[in-house]
Amino acid sequence: MNETPHSLSSSRTLWELVTRRADLTPDRPVLLQDDRSLSFGELHARAERVAAGLYDMGVRPGTVVAWQLPTRIETAVLSFALARLGAVQSPVIPFYRDREVGFALRESKAEYFAVPGEWRGFDYTGMARRLGAKGVFEAYDRLPDGDPGLLPAPPSSGTSVRWIYWTSGTTSDPKGVLHTDRSLIAGGSCLAHALRLRPDDVGSMAFPYAHIAGPDYTVMLLLYGFPAVMFEQFALPDALEGYRRHGVTVAGGSTAFYSMFLAEQRKRPETKVIPTLRLLAGGGAPKPPEVYHAVVREMGVQLTHGYGMTEVPMITMGSPDDTVENLATTEGRPPDGMEIRIVDGEVRLRGEAVCQGYLDAGQTAGAFDEDGFLRTGDLGMLRDTGHLVLTGRLKDVIIRKGENISAKEIEDLLAAHPAVGDVAVIGLPDEERGERVCAVVEQPPGTEELTLAAMTSYLRTEGLSVHKLPERLEVVDALPRNETLRKVLKYKLRERYSGTVK
């Protein structure tokens, strides 16, 4: 069998892609973690056995299975086992708590829910029971097992909705984004082909596998036949040992990751922080040009940045052979098959990698224009070379470390606090995180002055996820408003506080 990455990307389903790669290079590793290694052939065989175990539990094609698991080899195996069955998967980010998890379980009508048990000091099984989740089972280091000979035929269509990903967007509740195997393969293909990767590369997954980047990255491994190191818990400098031990050549994730690697490099400028590293790549947050130049200059590696979202996992990507100007100041170019249209400054998209819409039909109707282009809510412009430059966002979303945070969700919770009269939550530029969350509060007369510690303690009690907690509080006499509907002018708050650091 003599197949190229481009021919493999024509696979109709993810399971077909796994099968074709296992036939090509069964003994080559695909996932590395600590002292463990899983080959492409083993991935195929183990996923089939787990699929059979799930089938024995009652999981069938079309069954909705939610899972909230850390970045582990077992998580990937479980996900591909569900793909083998043709189940509908609803991955949930591990740091989500009762509020978001309960919503995702209800809206998706999940019939099973895989959790890690107790992980990093939190009882996920207890939360699942508390929420009344159906079919709860633990899948941290033990997975269901069965006889593959009893399995039905694998799915043959890649255009059925089999994935529900969750994004906060601009509303208080998450939105369920509907994807197919083909849309995920298209997104991963864009990433893989743009980066000019090679079979001798070694990648890395330092982000939650439950993020849309999980399948995006795994598709890349399957297309090019190289492995990636998985990090269950990512923190520098501790994680550096894993990068060095496995000889990682491609790392990254988002702007926050670039900054963290750069900070480690600056501790010992004379020694390359990861000797084998040749490329940093990522997306999910704005990338200041100065970060690009600092990485190339101080780390001695190339940096390529891209643009994606839960609705479209990969839209554009910088390529190592782009000009320095384009690498530093743009989000790269779209692949063949991705159409970008700028309408009144807004970036709109049409192509195979675009989602099928949302669980909520009303949200779907408003998300696409009359020509079938997805309205991203992002502002941008296209250069003559086809490179995309993002200039802002229509959506009132804060992007911190590549994750979308709804300002309205935090505002709605704070509005119920007795020491809050009115509140505006904004994102402020942050070189390491992309943006940080700032709450600007008006207090009612006669109330005790609100502190950051008291505010975050209150939000934790209300069930807000830790990654959404404001990192800054400003108390003002009056929020700036317009003269007609007295709408708060958030741009004035951003102008006021963006230049100051606390």
Protein backbone atom coordinates (compact mmCIF):
# COMPACT_ATOMS: atom_id res chain seq x y z
CA MET A 1 0.00 0.00 0.00
CA ASN A 2 1.49 3.34 -1.08
CA GLU A 3 -0.60 6.23 0.19
CA THR A 4 0.29 9.86 0.76
CA PRO A 5 -1.00 12.16 3.51
CA HIS A 6 -3.15 13.91 0.91
CA SER A 7 -4.74 10.63 -0.22
CA LEU A 8 -5.34 9.58 3.40
CA SER A 9 -7.21 12.83 4.00
CA SER A 10 -9.87 11.57 1.58
CA SER A 11 -10.96 9.01 4.21
CA ARG A 12 -14.71 9.15 4.69
CA THR A 13 -14.64 8.55 8.46
CA LEU A 14 -12.16 8.86 11.29
CA TRP A 15 -12.25 5.11 11.79
CA GLU A 16 -11.36 4.56 8.13
CA LEU A 17 -8.41 6.91 8.62
CA VAL A 18 -7.27 4.92 11.68
CA THR A 19 -7.56 1.66 9.74
CA ARG A 20 -5.61 2.93 6.72
CA ARG A 21 -2.80 4.29 8.90
CA ALA A 22 -2.64 1.06 10.93
CA ASP A 23 -2.27 -0.89 7.68
CA LEU A 24 0.51 1.43 6.48
CA THR A 25 2.68 1.69 9.61
CA PRO A 26 1.33 -0.62 12.33
CA ASP A 27 4.50 -0.61 14.44
CA ARG A 28 5.22 3.11 14.44
CA PRO A 29 4.29 4.96 17.64
CA VAL A 30 1.39 7.41 17.63
CA LEU A 31 1.00 8.40 21.31
CA LEU A 32 3.73 8.76 23.92
CA GLN A 33 3.12 9.48 27.60
CA ASP A 34 5.67 9.22 30.39
CA ASP A 35 7.16 5.73 29.89
CA ARG A 36 4.26 4.44 27.79
CA SER A 37 3.92 4.17 24.03
CA LEU A 38 1.04 3.20 21.77
CA SER A 39 1.57 2.27 18.11
CA PHE A 40 -0.86 2.87 15.25
CA GLY A 41 -1.60 -0.85 15.11
CA GLU A 42 -2.20 -1.00 18.85
CA LEU A 43 -4.49 2.03 18.67
CA HIS A 44 -6.62 0.24 16.10
CA ALA A 45 -6.70 -3.05 18.02
CA ARG A 46 -7.34 -1.53 21.46
CA ALA A 47 -10.03 0.80 20.15
CA GLU A 48 -11.85 -2.19 18.65
CA ARG A 49 -11.77 -4.07 21.95
CA VAL A 50 -12.99 -1.01 23.85
CA ALA A 51 -15.72 -0.49 21.24
CA ALA A 52 -16.83 -4.07 21.88
CA GLY A 53 -16.88 -3.42 25.63
CA LEU A 54 -18.96 -0.30 25.08
CA TYR A 55 -21.29 -2.27 22.82
CA ASP A 56 -21.77 -4.80 25.64
CA MET A 57 -22.73 -1.86 27.90
CA GLY A 58 -25.45 -0.85 25.44
CA VAL A 59 -23.72 1.83 23.35
CA ARG A 60 -24.97 1.69 19.76
CA PRO A 61 -24.50 3.75 16.59
CA GLY A 62 -26.07 7.13 17.33
CA THR A 63 -25.95 6.76 21.12
CA VAL A 64 -24.86 10.04 22.74
CA VAL A 65 -21.84 9.51 25.00
CA ALA A 66 -20.38 12.45 26.92
CA TRP A 67 -16.86 12.24 28.31
CA GLN A 68 -14.91 14.55 30.58
CA LEU A 69 -11.39 13.13 30.73
CA PRO A 70 -7.81 14.43 30.93
CA THR A 71 -5.25 14.24 28.13
CA ARG A 72 -4.27 10.59 28.33
CA ILE A 73 -3.69 7.67 25.99
CA GLU A 74 -6.84 6.03 27.39
CA THR A 75 -8.91 9.09 26.46
CA ALA A 76 -7.81 8.90 22.84
CA VAL A 77 -8.50 5.16 22.73
CA LEU A 78 -11.99 5.66 24.16
CA SER A 79 -12.73 8.42 21.65
CA PHE A 80 -11.67 6.26 18.69
CA ALA A 81 -13.66 3.34 20.10
CA LEU A 82 -16.74 5.54 20.03
CA ALA A 83 -15.85 6.58 16.46
CA ARG A 84 -15.62 2.87 15.56
CA LEU A 85 -19.16 2.36 16.85
CA GLY A 86 -20.55 5.46 15.18
CA ALA A 87 -21.71 6.88 18.51
CA VAL A 88 -22.27 10.61 18.99
CA GLN A 89 -19.52 12.03 21.23
CA SER A 90 -19.86 15.04 23.50
CA PRO A 91 -16.39 15.89 24.87
CA VAL A 92 -16.39 18.18 27.92
CA ILE A 93 -13.32 20.17 29.01
CA PRO A 94 -12.00 18.75 32.34
CA PHE A 95 -12.00 22.07 34.21
CA TYR A 96 -15.74 22.64 33.63
CA ARG A 97 -17.86 22.18 36.74
CA ASP A 98 -21.52 21.63 37.69
CA ARG A 99 -22.89 24.65 35.84
CA GLU A 100 -21.44 23.91 32.38
CA VAL A 101 -21.36 20.12 32.72
CA GLY A 102 -24.99 19.94 33.80
CA PHE A 103 -26.02 22.08 30.84
CA ALA A 104 -24.02 19.93 28.38
CA LEU A 105 -25.49 16.70 29.71
CA ARG A 106 -29.05 18.01 29.55
CA GLU A 107 -28.81 19.62 26.13
CA SER A 108 -27.03 16.69 24.47
CA LYS A 109 -29.34 14.14 26.15
CA ALA A 110 -26.26 12.04 26.92
CA GLU A 111 -27.08 8.43 27.73
CA TYR A 112 -23.59 7.65 29.08
CA PHE A 113 -20.96 9.80 30.80
CA ALA A 114 -17.28 8.80 31.14
CA VAL A 115 -15.34 10.49 33.96
CA PRO A 116 -11.87 10.06 35.53
CA GLY A 117 -13.11 9.42 39.07
CA GLU A 118 -11.15 11.70 41.37
CA TRP A 119 -8.58 13.74 39.46
CA ARG A 120 -6.44 16.63 40.64
CA GLY A 121 -8.34 16.82 43.91
CA PHE A 122 -11.83 16.97 42.37
CA ASP A 123 -14.43 14.19 42.52
CA TYR A 124 -15.83 13.95 38.98
CA THR A 125 -17.87 10.85 39.78
CA GLY A 126 -19.47 12.68 42.69
CA MET A 127 -20.33 15.63 40.41
CA ALA A 128 -21.84 13.27 37.83
CA ARG A 129 -24.02 11.63 40.48
CA ARG A 130 -24.97 15.04 41.86
CA LEU A 131 -26.11 16.12 38.39
CA GLY A 132 -28.15 12.97 37.86
CA ALA A 133 -26.06 11.89 34.86
CA LYS A 134 -27.02 8.64 33.14
CA GLY A 135 -24.68 5.71 32.49
CA VAL A 136 -21.77 7.08 34.53
CA PHE A 137 -18.54 5.05 34.25
CA GLU A 138 -14.92 5.76 35.15
CA ALA A 139 -12.40 5.67 32.30
CA TYR A 140 -9.13 7.02 33.68
CA ASP A 141 -6.89 3.94 33.45
CA ARG A 142 -9.40 1.15 32.83
CA LEU A 143 -11.62 0.95 29.78
CA PRO A 144 -14.45 -1.42 28.83
CA ASP A 145 -13.26 -4.54 27.01
CA GLY A 146 -14.99 -7.00 24.73
CA ASP A 147 -14.78 -9.29 21.71
CA PRO A 148 -14.43 -7.27 18.46
CA GLY A 149 -15.89 -10.19 16.54
CA LEU A 150 -19.33 -9.29 17.90
CA LEU A 151 -19.23 -5.69 16.66
CA PRO A 152 -21.49 -4.39 13.90
CA ALA A 153 -19.89 -2.97 10.76
CA PRO A 154 -18.13 0.37 11.25
CA PRO A 155 -19.89 3.54 10.04
CA SER A 156 -19.56 4.19 6.31
CA SER A 157 -20.71 7.82 6.16
CA GLY A 158 -18.55 10.68 7.37
CA THR A 159 -21.21 13.35 6.93
CA SER A 160 -23.49 12.39 9.82
CA VAL A 161 -23.26 14.50 12.97
CA ARG A 162 -21.21 12.48 15.45
CA TRP A 163 -19.59 15.20 17.59
CA ILE A 164 -20.99 17.85 19.93
CA TYR A 165 -18.37 20.33 21.10
CA TRP A 166 -19.12 23.10 23.58
CA THR A 167 -18.26 26.75 23.30
CA SER A 168 -19.27 29.64 25.53
CA GLY A 169 -19.59 32.10 22.65
CA THR A 170 -21.36 35.32 23.64
CA THR A 171 -24.16 33.91 25.75
CA SER A 172 -24.33 32.75 29.35
CA ASP A 173 -24.85 29.09 28.47
CA PRO A 174 -22.48 27.07 26.27
CA LYS A 175 -23.45 26.33 22.68
CA GLY A 176 -23.40 22.77 21.35
CA VAL A 177 -21.45 22.80 18.07
CA LEU A 178 -22.27 19.96 15.66
CA HIS A 179 -19.42 18.32 13.74
CA THR A 180 -19.01 15.35 11.44
CA ASP A 181 -16.02 13.08 10.93
CA ARG A 182 -15.42 14.79 7.60
CA SER A 183 -15.35 18.31 9.09
CA LEU A 184 -12.79 17.20 11.68
CA ILE A 185 -10.66 15.46 9.04
CA ALA A 186 -10.80 18.61 6.90
CA GLY A 187 -9.65 20.76 9.84
CA GLY A 188 -6.78 18.44 10.74
CA SER A 189 -5.70 18.22 7.11
CA CYS A 190 -5.42 22.01 6.90
CA LEU A 191 -3.19 22.09 9.96
CA ALA A 192 -1.00 19.20 8.81
CA HIS A 193 -0.41 20.35 5.24
CA ALA A 194 0.27 23.99 6.22
CA LEU A 195 2.97 23.05 8.73
CA ARG A 196 4.95 20.98 6.20
CA LEU A 197 5.42 18.19 8.73
CA ARG A 198 7.53 15.08 8.24
CA PRO A 199 7.29 11.42 9.32
CA ASP A 200 10.33 11.90 11.59
CA ASP A 201 8.69 14.74 13.56
CA VAL A 202 7.53 14.34 17.15
CA GLY A 203 4.58 16.49 18.19
CA SER A 204 3.06 17.34 21.56
CA MET A 205 -0.39 17.71 23.11
CA ALA A 206 -0.21 20.02 26.11
CA PHE A 207 -3.86 21.11 25.78
CA PRO A 208 -7.09 19.35 26.84
CA TYR A 209 -7.81 16.45 24.49
CA ALA A 210 -11.51 17.31 24.92
CA HIS A 211 -10.87 20.61 23.13
CA ILE A 212 -11.60 20.78 19.39
CA ALA A 213 -7.81 20.75 18.97
CA GLY A 214 -7.78 17.10 20.14
CA PRO A 215 -9.11 15.52 16.92
CA ASP A 216 -7.51 18.32 14.89
CA TYR A 217 -4.08 17.26 16.11
CA THR A 218 -4.75 13.51 16.05
CA VAL A 219 -5.85 13.67 12.42
CA MET A 220 -2.47 15.24 11.68
CA LEU A 221 -0.69 12.29 13.34
CA LEU A 222 -2.75 9.80 11.35
CA LEU A 223 -2.10 11.58 8.05
CA TYR A 224 1.68 11.88 8.46
CA GLY A 225 2.40 8.84 10.61
CA PHE A 226 4.38 10.45 13.41
CA PRO A 227 3.81 10.46 17.20
CA ALA A 228 2.93 13.09 19.78
CA VAL A 229 3.72 13.31 23.48
CA MET A 230 0.63 13.69 25.68
CA PHE A 231 0.80 15.79 28.87
CA GLU A 232 -1.87 15.02 31.43
CA GLN A 233 -0.85 18.07 33.44
CA PHE A 234 1.12 20.80 31.70
CA ALA A 235 3.31 23.16 33.71
CA LEU A 236 6.73 24.55 33.03
CA PRO A 237 9.48 23.84 33.87
CA ASP A 238 8.28 20.37 35.00
CA ALA A 239 7.01 19.37 31.54
CA LEU A 240 10.36 20.12 29.88
CA GLU A 241 11.70 16.71 30.85
CA GLY A 242 9.01 15.04 28.71
CA TYR A 243 9.78 17.25 25.71
CA ARG A 244 13.47 16.47 25.98
CA ARG A 245 13.12 12.75 26.67
CA HIS A 246 10.96 12.15 23.61
CA GLY A 247 12.80 14.56 21.31
CA VAL A 248 9.83 16.80 20.51
CA THR A 249 10.32 18.75 17.30
CA VAL A 250 6.93 20.54 17.11
CA ALA A 251 5.33 22.20 20.15
CA GLY A 252 2.96 25.03 20.95
CA GLY A 253 -0.76 25.47 21.54
CA SER A 254 -1.46 29.19 21.79
CA THR A 255 0.16 32.53 22.53
CA ALA A 256 0.32 31.64 26.23
CA PHE A 257 2.43 28.59 25.40
CA TYR A 258 4.84 30.61 23.27
CA SER A 259 5.34 33.01 26.16
CA MET A 260 5.91 30.21 28.65
CA PHE A 261 8.56 28.54 26.49
CA LEU A 262 10.19 31.90 25.90
CA ALA A 263 10.33 32.56 29.65
CA GLU A 264 12.09 29.23 30.19
CA GLN A 265 14.56 29.97 27.40
CA ARG A 266 15.45 33.28 29.03
CA LYS A 267 16.52 31.52 32.23
CA ARG A 268 19.48 30.02 30.34
CA PRO A 269 19.89 31.95 27.08
CA GLU A 270 23.01 30.07 26.08
CA THR A 271 21.33 26.61 26.09
CA LYS A 272 18.40 25.66 23.84
CA VAL A 273 15.47 24.91 26.13
CA ILE A 274 14.34 21.93 23.99
CA PRO A 275 17.34 20.83 21.90
CA THR A 276 15.29 19.02 19.23
CA LEU A 277 12.61 21.70 18.80
CA ARG A 278 12.35 23.26 15.34
CA LEU A 279 8.81 24.68 15.25
CA LEU A 280 6.27 26.32 17.56
CA ALA A 281 2.74 26.34 16.18
CA GLY A 282 -0.68 27.18 17.51
CA GLY A 283 -3.63 29.55 17.53
CA GLY A 284 -6.67 30.31 19.65
CA ALA A 285 -5.59 33.77 20.83
CA PRO A 286 -4.09 36.97 19.40
CA LYS A 287 -0.36 36.81 18.72
CA PRO A 288 1.51 40.12 19.11
CA PRO A 289 4.21 40.49 16.40
CA GLU A 290 6.83 41.07 19.11
CA VAL A 291 6.18 37.57 20.46
CA TYR A 292 6.90 36.08 17.04
CA HIS A 293 10.17 37.99 16.69
CA ALA A 294 11.29 37.15 20.24
CA VAL A 295 10.67 33.41 19.74
CA VAL A 296 12.59 33.28 16.48
CA ARG A 297 15.43 35.42 17.81
CA GLU A 298 15.86 33.93 21.27
CA MET A 299 14.76 30.31 20.84
CA GLY A 300 16.16 29.80 17.37
CA VAL A 301 12.99 28.09 16.06
CA GLN A 302 10.26 29.00 13.60
CA LEU A 303 6.82 30.12 14.80
CA THR A 304 3.65 29.68 12.76
CA HIS A 305 0.30 30.91 14.03
CA GLY A 306 -3.21 30.14 12.85
CA TYR A 307 -6.88 30.92 13.26
CA GLY A 308 -9.59 28.49 14.29
CA MET A 309 -12.65 28.18 16.49
CA THR A 310 -14.85 25.43 17.84
CA GLU A 311 -17.17 25.89 14.85
CA VAL A 312 -14.27 25.61 12.36
CA PRO A 313 -11.23 23.90 13.93
CA MET A 314 -8.77 25.25 11.40
CA ILE A 315 -9.48 28.23 9.16
CA THR A 316 -6.05 29.59 8.27
CA MET A 317 -2.51 28.64 9.24
CA GLY A 318 0.89 30.19 8.79
CA SER A 319 3.40 28.07 6.89
CA PRO A 320 7.14 27.84 7.59
CA ASP A 321 7.87 29.12 4.08
CA ASP A 322 5.80 32.31 4.53
CA THR A 323 7.59 35.67 4.69
CA VAL A 324 8.63 37.03 8.07
CA GLU A 325 6.13 39.87 7.66
CA ASN A 326 3.23 37.50 7.08
CA LEU A 327 4.26 35.14 9.89
CA ALA A 328 4.52 38.03 12.35
CA THR A 329 1.39 39.98 11.43
CA THR A 330 -1.18 37.59 9.91
CA GLU A 331 -3.02 34.39 10.78
CA GLY A 332 -1.81 32.63 7.63
CA ARG A 333 -3.75 31.49 4.58
CA PRO A 334 -6.79 29.22 4.21
CA PRO A 335 -6.37 25.78 2.62
CA ASP A 336 -8.01 24.73 -0.62
CA GLY A 337 -11.71 24.33 0.01
CA MET A 338 -12.00 27.04 2.68
CA GLU A 339 -13.76 30.15 1.36
CA ILE A 340 -13.31 33.40 3.26
CA ARG A 341 -15.57 36.37 2.60
CA ILE A 342 -15.29 39.75 4.34
CA VAL A 343 -18.72 41.40 4.73
CA ASP A 344 -18.84 44.80 6.43
CA GLY A 345 -15.53 43.92 8.04
CA GLU A 346 -16.75 40.58 9.41
CA VAL A 347 -14.98 37.33 8.52
CA ARG A 348 -17.38 34.76 7.07
CA LEU A 349 -16.56 31.16 6.16
CA ARG A 350 -17.76 28.33 3.97
CA GLY A 351 -16.10 24.95 3.48
CA GLU A 352 -15.90 21.32 4.52
CA ALA A 353 -14.32 22.10 7.91
CA VAL A 354 -17.25 24.32 8.93
CA CYS A 355 -19.63 22.80 11.50
CA GLN A 356 -23.18 21.76 10.68
CA GLY A 357 -24.61 24.32 13.07
CA TYR A 358 -25.71 24.12 16.70
CA LEU A 359 -27.90 21.89 18.85
CA ASP A 360 -30.23 24.87 19.15
CA ALA A 361 -31.87 25.28 15.73
CA GLY A 362 -32.48 28.96 16.44
CA GLN A 363 -28.76 29.54 16.94
CA THR A 364 -28.05 27.72 13.67
CA ALA A 365 -30.47 29.92 11.73
CA GLY A 366 -28.74 33.09 12.88
CA ALA A 367 -25.22 31.76 12.40
CA PHE A 368 -25.21 31.47 8.59
CA ASP A 369 -25.93 34.07 5.94
CA GLU A 370 -28.10 33.57 2.86
CA ASP A 371 -25.18 32.09 0.90
CA GLY A 372 -24.35 29.52 3.57
CA PHE A 373 -21.34 31.37 5.02
CA LEU A 374 -20.78 31.12 8.78
CA ARG A 375 -20.77 34.49 10.51
CA THR A 376 -17.70 34.37 12.78
CA GLY A 377 -18.23 37.65 14.60
CA ASP A 378 -14.53 38.39 14.03
CA LEU A 379 -13.34 41.44 12.14
CA GLY A 380 -10.57 41.15 9.59
CA MET A 381 -9.12 41.82 6.17
CA LEU A 382 -7.54 39.72 3.42
CA ARG A 383 -4.22 40.70 1.91
CA ASP A 384 -3.56 40.32 -1.81
CA THR A 385 -1.53 37.18 -0.97
CA GLY A 386 -4.57 35.55 0.63
CA HIS A 387 -3.26 36.00 4.17
CA LEU A 388 -5.85 36.90 6.79
CA VAL A 389 -5.37 39.73 9.29
CA LEU A 390 -7.75 39.81 12.27
CA THR A 391 -8.49 43.28 13.60
CA GLY A 392 -11.01 42.70 16.38
CA ARG A 393 -14.23 40.93 17.37
CA LEU A 394 -17.89 41.71 17.10
CA LYS A 395 -18.60 39.16 19.81
CA ASP A 396 -18.22 40.22 23.39
CA VAL A 397 -15.92 37.32 24.16
CA ILE A 398 -12.71 37.23 26.16
CA ILE A 399 -10.10 34.76 24.92
CA ARG A 400 -7.85 33.67 27.75
CA LYS A 401 -5.22 30.99 27.01
CA GLY A 402 -7.13 29.99 23.89
CA GLU A 403 -10.45 29.45 25.70
CA ASN A 404 -13.55 31.56 25.09
CA ILE A 405 -15.03 33.23 28.16
CA SER A 406 -18.48 34.84 28.06
CA ALA A 407 -18.47 38.28 29.68
CA LYS A 408 -22.25 38.09 30.03
CA GLU A 409 -22.11 34.90 32.09
CA ILE A 410 -19.84 36.56 34.66
CA GLU A 411 -21.86 39.78 34.59
CA ASP A 412 -25.11 37.89 35.18
CA LEU A 413 -23.67 36.17 38.25
CA LEU A 414 -22.14 39.34 39.69
CA ALA A 415 -25.38 41.28 39.20
CA ALA A 416 -26.90 39.18 41.98
CA HIS A 417 -24.15 40.12 44.46
CA PRO A 418 -25.43 42.57 47.11
CA ALA A 419 -22.28 44.70 46.81
CA VAL A 420 -22.69 45.12 43.03
CA GLY A 421 -24.95 47.78 41.55
CA ASP A 422 -23.86 47.37 37.95
CA VAL A 423 -20.92 45.61 36.30
CA ALA A 424 -19.08 45.34 33.00
CA VAL A 425 -16.65 42.50 32.34
CA ILE A 426 -13.98 43.14 29.74
CA GLY A 427 -10.85 41.52 28.34
CA LEU A 428 -7.54 43.33 28.66
CA PRO A 429 -4.46 42.54 26.55
CA ASP A 430 -2.01 40.16 28.21
CA GLU A 431 1.19 39.00 26.53
CA GLU A 432 1.16 35.60 28.21
CA ARG A 433 -2.56 34.78 28.26
CA GLY A 434 -3.80 36.64 25.20
CA GLU A 435 -6.33 38.43 27.39
CA ARG A 436 -7.08 38.63 31.12
CA VAL A 437 -10.51 39.06 32.66
CA CYS A 438 -11.31 42.37 34.36
CA ALA A 439 -14.55 43.20 36.20
CA VAL A 440 -15.46 46.90 36.46
CA VAL A 441 -18.06 47.42 39.18
CA GLU A 442 -20.39 50.17 40.37
CA GLN A 443 -21.32 49.66 44.00
CA PRO A 444 -24.59 50.71 45.66
CA PRO A 445 -24.23 53.50 48.23
CA GLY A 446 -23.41 52.36 51.75
CA THR A 447 -22.08 48.90 50.85
CA GLU A 448 -18.73 47.57 52.03
CA GLU A 449 -16.00 47.92 49.42
CA LEU A 450 -15.79 44.82 47.24
CA THR A 451 -12.41 43.09 47.02
CA LEU A 452 -11.05 40.79 44.32
CA ALA A 453 -10.78 37.91 46.81
CA ALA A 454 -14.39 38.33 47.95
CA MET A 455 -15.63 38.57 44.36
CA THR A 456 -13.83 35.45 43.14
CA SER A 457 -14.92 33.50 46.25
CA TYR A 458 -18.52 34.42 45.47
CA LEU A 459 -18.18 33.34 41.82
CA ARG A 460 -16.65 30.02 42.85
CA THR A 461 -19.60 29.45 45.17
CA GLU A 462 -21.94 30.15 42.27
CA GLY A 463 -20.23 27.38 40.27
CA LEU A 464 -18.19 29.45 37.82
CA SER A 465 -15.21 27.55 36.39
CA VAL A 466 -11.82 28.60 37.72
CA HIS A 467 -10.48 29.58 34.28
CA LYS A 468 -13.26 32.20 33.95
CA LEU A 469 -12.58 33.99 37.25
CA PRO A 470 -11.63 37.68 36.88
CA GLU A 471 -7.97 38.40 37.61
CA ARG A 472 -8.61 42.10 38.16
CA LEU A 473 -11.28 44.24 39.81
CA GLU A 474 -11.87 47.97 39.30
CA VAL A 475 -14.46 49.79 41.43
CA VAL A 476 -15.78 52.99 39.81
CA ASP A 477 -18.30 55.67 40.78
CA ALA A 478 -20.10 55.32 37.44
CA LEU A 479 -19.66 53.17 34.36
CA PRO A 480 -19.36 55.14 31.09
CA ARG A 481 -22.62 55.04 29.11
CA ASN A 482 -24.07 56.44 25.92
CA GLU A 483 -26.70 59.16 25.99
CA THR A 484 -29.54 57.27 24.33
CA LEU A 485 -30.16 53.84 25.86
CA ARG A 486 -27.54 54.30 28.60
CA LYS A 487 -25.64 51.33 27.27
CA VAL A 488 -22.27 50.78 28.94
CA LEU A 489 -19.42 51.78 26.63
CA LYS A 490 -17.00 48.92 27.10
CA TYR A 491 -14.52 50.31 24.60
CA LYS A 492 -13.94 53.25 26.94
CA LEU A 493 -13.19 50.86 29.79
CA ARG A 494 -10.73 48.96 27.61
CA GLU A 495 -9.03 52.21 26.66
CA ARG A 496 -8.87 53.29 30.31
CA TYR A 497 -7.44 50.09 31.74
CA SER A 498 -5.46 48.47 28.89
CA GLY A 499 -2.41 50.60 29.58
CA THR A 500 -2.25 49.88 33.31
CA VAL A 501 -1.19 46.68 35.02
CA LYS A 502 -2.26 45.59 38.50
